Amino acid sequence: MPTSDFQTLLVLSTPLGIPFYSARGLKQTLTPIQAAAANIQRDINGTLVDLRDSDDLHFCKYASHIECGDSDTRVPLEFEGVWPGQIVTVDCVSELAYASGSPSRPVVATRTDANGVHFYRPRLTMMVTGWSSQESEWEATVSWSLDLEEV
């Protein structure tokens, strides 16, 4: 069951919990995975070309970096027992946009602006690739980060 304390739009499936005061200053980045650019090369004339078959979408996946920490962040994410390789469902904070057609991923929330551009928060099945947690004893603050890649 996904967990969130409703102080953030971010929702993570268990075992990752989001305790109160752990999501202050949350930032999420979505980027293409490194393998998505594996077939981009320069030809003999120096022109950058995509050698991937236009129908090959196998490597069109997302990586995500989520980080938190400000002067009021007091507790880390519930990282105990979470290791690289763990599968997690992520209701993203970051939005994706498209002008026509339909979303390429399951939708958590959607909106359309005055120009007809559609925005949505995707739900992604991702694998933990790393995380870190840092605590400053004297300032009594915590910062943490979580790295994921879509499976």
Protein backbone atom coordinates (compact mmCIF):
# COMPACT_ATOMS: atom_id res chain seq x y z
CA MET A 1 0.00 0.00 0.00
CA PRO A 2 1.44 3.42 -0.89
CA THR A 3 2.40 5.61 2.02
CA SER A 4 2.27 9.37 2.42
CA ASP A 5 1.50 11.62 5.35
CA PHE A 6 -0.27 14.14 3.07
CA GLN A 7 2.32 16.83 3.75
CA THR A 8 3.71 16.08 0.29
CA LEU A 9 2.44 15.03 -3.15
CA LEU A 10 5.09 12.28 -3.19
CA VAL A 11 3.72 8.81 -2.49
CA LEU A 12 5.99 5.77 -2.16
CA SER A 13 4.94 2.15 -1.81
CA THR A 14 6.07 0.32 1.29
CA PRO A 15 8.61 -0.32 2.74
CA LEU A 16 9.57 3.32 2.22
CA GLY A 17 7.58 5.48 4.58
CA ILE A 18 7.41 9.27 4.60
CA PRO A 19 7.32 10.37 8.26
CA PHE A 20 6.07 13.81 9.27
CA TYR A 21 8.68 16.55 8.77
CA SER A 22 10.80 14.38 6.44
CA ALA A 23 9.61 15.91 3.15
CA ARG A 24 10.34 19.59 3.76
CA GLY A 25 11.92 21.26 0.74
CA LEU A 26 11.32 18.17 -1.42
CA LYS A 27 12.64 18.28 -4.99
CA GLN A 28 12.20 15.57 -7.62
CA THR A 29 14.04 15.32 -10.92
CA LEU A 30 12.96 13.07 -13.78
CA THR A 31 15.55 12.36 -16.50
CA PRO A 32 15.93 9.75 -19.23
CA ILE A 33 17.98 6.73 -18.12
CA GLN A 34 21.56 6.66 -19.45
CA ALA A 35 20.79 3.72 -21.76
CA ALA A 36 18.24 5.90 -23.61
CA ALA A 37 21.12 7.83 -25.17
CA ALA A 38 23.24 4.76 -25.97
CA ASN A 39 22.42 4.91 -29.68
CA ILE A 40 23.09 8.61 -30.12
CA GLN A 41 26.40 8.97 -31.94
CA ARG A 42 28.19 11.26 -34.35
CA ASP A 43 28.55 10.16 -37.94
CA ILE A 44 31.68 10.58 -40.04
CA ASN A 45 30.69 14.19 -40.79
CA GLY A 46 30.29 15.04 -37.11
CA THR A 47 26.51 15.20 -37.27
CA LEU A 48 24.74 13.87 -34.20
CA VAL A 49 22.30 11.07 -35.14
CA ASP A 50 19.97 8.69 -33.34
CA LEU A 51 20.68 5.14 -34.55
CA ARG A 52 17.75 3.63 -32.65
CA ASP A 53 14.90 2.11 -34.63
CA SER A 54 12.02 4.61 -34.43
CA ASP A 55 9.71 1.90 -33.04
CA ASP A 56 12.19 0.79 -30.34
CA LEU A 57 10.98 2.27 -27.06
CA HIS A 58 12.61 -0.33 -24.79
CA PHE A 59 15.06 2.16 -23.33
CA CYS A 60 12.63 5.09 -23.09
CA LYS A 61 12.52 4.98 -19.31
CA TYR A 62 12.98 7.51 -16.52
CA ALA A 63 15.50 7.94 -13.74
CA SER A 64 14.56 9.99 -10.71
CA HIS A 65 16.50 11.81 -8.03
CA ILE A 66 14.49 12.92 -4.99
CA GLU A 67 16.03 15.04 -2.29
CA CYS A 68 14.84 16.78 0.83
CA GLY A 69 16.28 18.99 3.45
CA ASP A 70 15.78 22.48 4.76
CA SER A 71 16.18 24.10 8.14
CA ASP A 72 12.96 22.45 9.38
CA THR A 73 13.55 18.88 8.13
CA ARG A 74 13.84 16.81 11.29
CA VAL A 75 13.64 13.15 10.27
CA PRO A 76 14.84 11.02 7.35
CA LEU A 77 12.80 8.85 5.04
CA GLU A 78 12.24 5.33 6.41
CA PHE A 79 15.32 3.78 4.78
CA GLU A 80 15.79 0.84 7.17
CA GLY A 81 15.83 -2.38 5.15
CA VAL A 82 15.73 -0.57 1.78
CA TRP A 83 18.61 -1.53 -0.49
CA PRO A 84 19.49 -1.06 -4.14
CA GLY A 85 17.33 -3.43 -6.16
CA GLN A 86 14.17 -2.79 -4.12
CA ILE A 87 11.09 -2.21 -6.32
CA VAL A 88 9.01 0.83 -5.34
CA THR A 89 5.88 2.42 -6.84
CA VAL A 90 6.33 6.19 -6.99
CA ASP A 91 3.52 8.73 -7.38
CA CYS A 92 5.73 11.52 -8.70
CA VAL A 93 5.79 15.16 -7.69
CA SER A 94 7.39 16.09 -11.03
CA GLU A 95 4.96 16.58 -13.89
CA LEU A 96 5.27 15.47 -17.50
CA ALA A 97 3.59 17.42 -20.31
CA TYR A 98 2.19 16.62 -23.76
CA ALA A 99 0.31 18.69 -26.33
CA SER A 100 -1.73 15.94 -28.00
CA GLY A 101 -2.38 12.25 -27.64
CA SER A 102 -2.37 10.61 -24.26
CA PRO A 103 0.05 10.09 -21.36
CA SER A 104 2.67 7.37 -21.77
CA ARG A 105 2.50 6.36 -18.09
CA PRO A 106 -0.27 5.77 -15.51
CA VAL A 107 -1.69 9.07 -14.24
CA VAL A 108 -1.87 10.17 -10.60
CA ALA A 109 -3.23 13.67 -11.32
CA THR A 110 -3.77 15.74 -14.44
CA ARG A 111 -4.45 19.31 -15.49
CA THR A 112 -4.66 21.28 -18.73
CA ASP A 113 -3.48 24.86 -19.13
CA ALA A 114 -5.15 27.65 -21.13
CA ASN A 115 -3.07 26.75 -24.22
CA GLY A 116 -4.31 23.17 -24.27
CA VAL A 117 -1.08 21.64 -22.95
CA HIS A 118 -1.77 18.64 -20.71
CA PHE A 119 0.27 18.06 -17.56
CA TYR A 120 0.23 14.94 -15.44
CA ARG A 121 1.97 13.41 -12.46
CA PRO A 122 2.97 9.87 -13.42
CA ARG A 123 2.92 6.74 -11.30
CA LEU A 124 6.15 4.86 -12.03
CA THR A 125 7.36 1.41 -11.02
CA MET A 126 10.98 2.03 -10.13
CA MET A 127 14.00 0.31 -8.63
CA VAL A 128 16.07 1.88 -5.86
CA THR A 129 19.60 2.46 -7.16
CA GLY A 130 20.89 4.32 -4.12
CA TRP A 131 20.03 6.59 -1.24
CA SER A 132 21.73 8.73 1.39
CA SER A 133 20.76 10.28 4.69
CA GLN A 134 22.68 12.99 6.51
CA GLU A 135 22.06 14.41 9.95
CA SER A 136 23.58 17.55 11.41
CA GLU A 137 23.78 17.09 15.15
CA TRP A 138 24.34 20.70 16.14
CA GLU A 139 21.70 22.20 13.85
CA ALA A 140 19.32 19.26 14.49
CA THR A 141 18.50 18.99 10.78
CA VAL A 142 18.31 16.08 8.37
CA SER A 143 18.76 15.86 4.62
CA TRP A 144 18.28 12.81 2.44
CA SER A 145 18.22 11.72 -1.18
CA LEU A 146 16.81 8.77 -3.09
CA ASP A 147 17.86 7.58 -6.56
CA LEU A 148 15.58 5.39 -8.68
CA GLU A 149 15.26 4.02 -12.20
CA GLU A 150 12.10 2.87 -13.94
CA VAL A 151 11.95 -0.91 -14.38
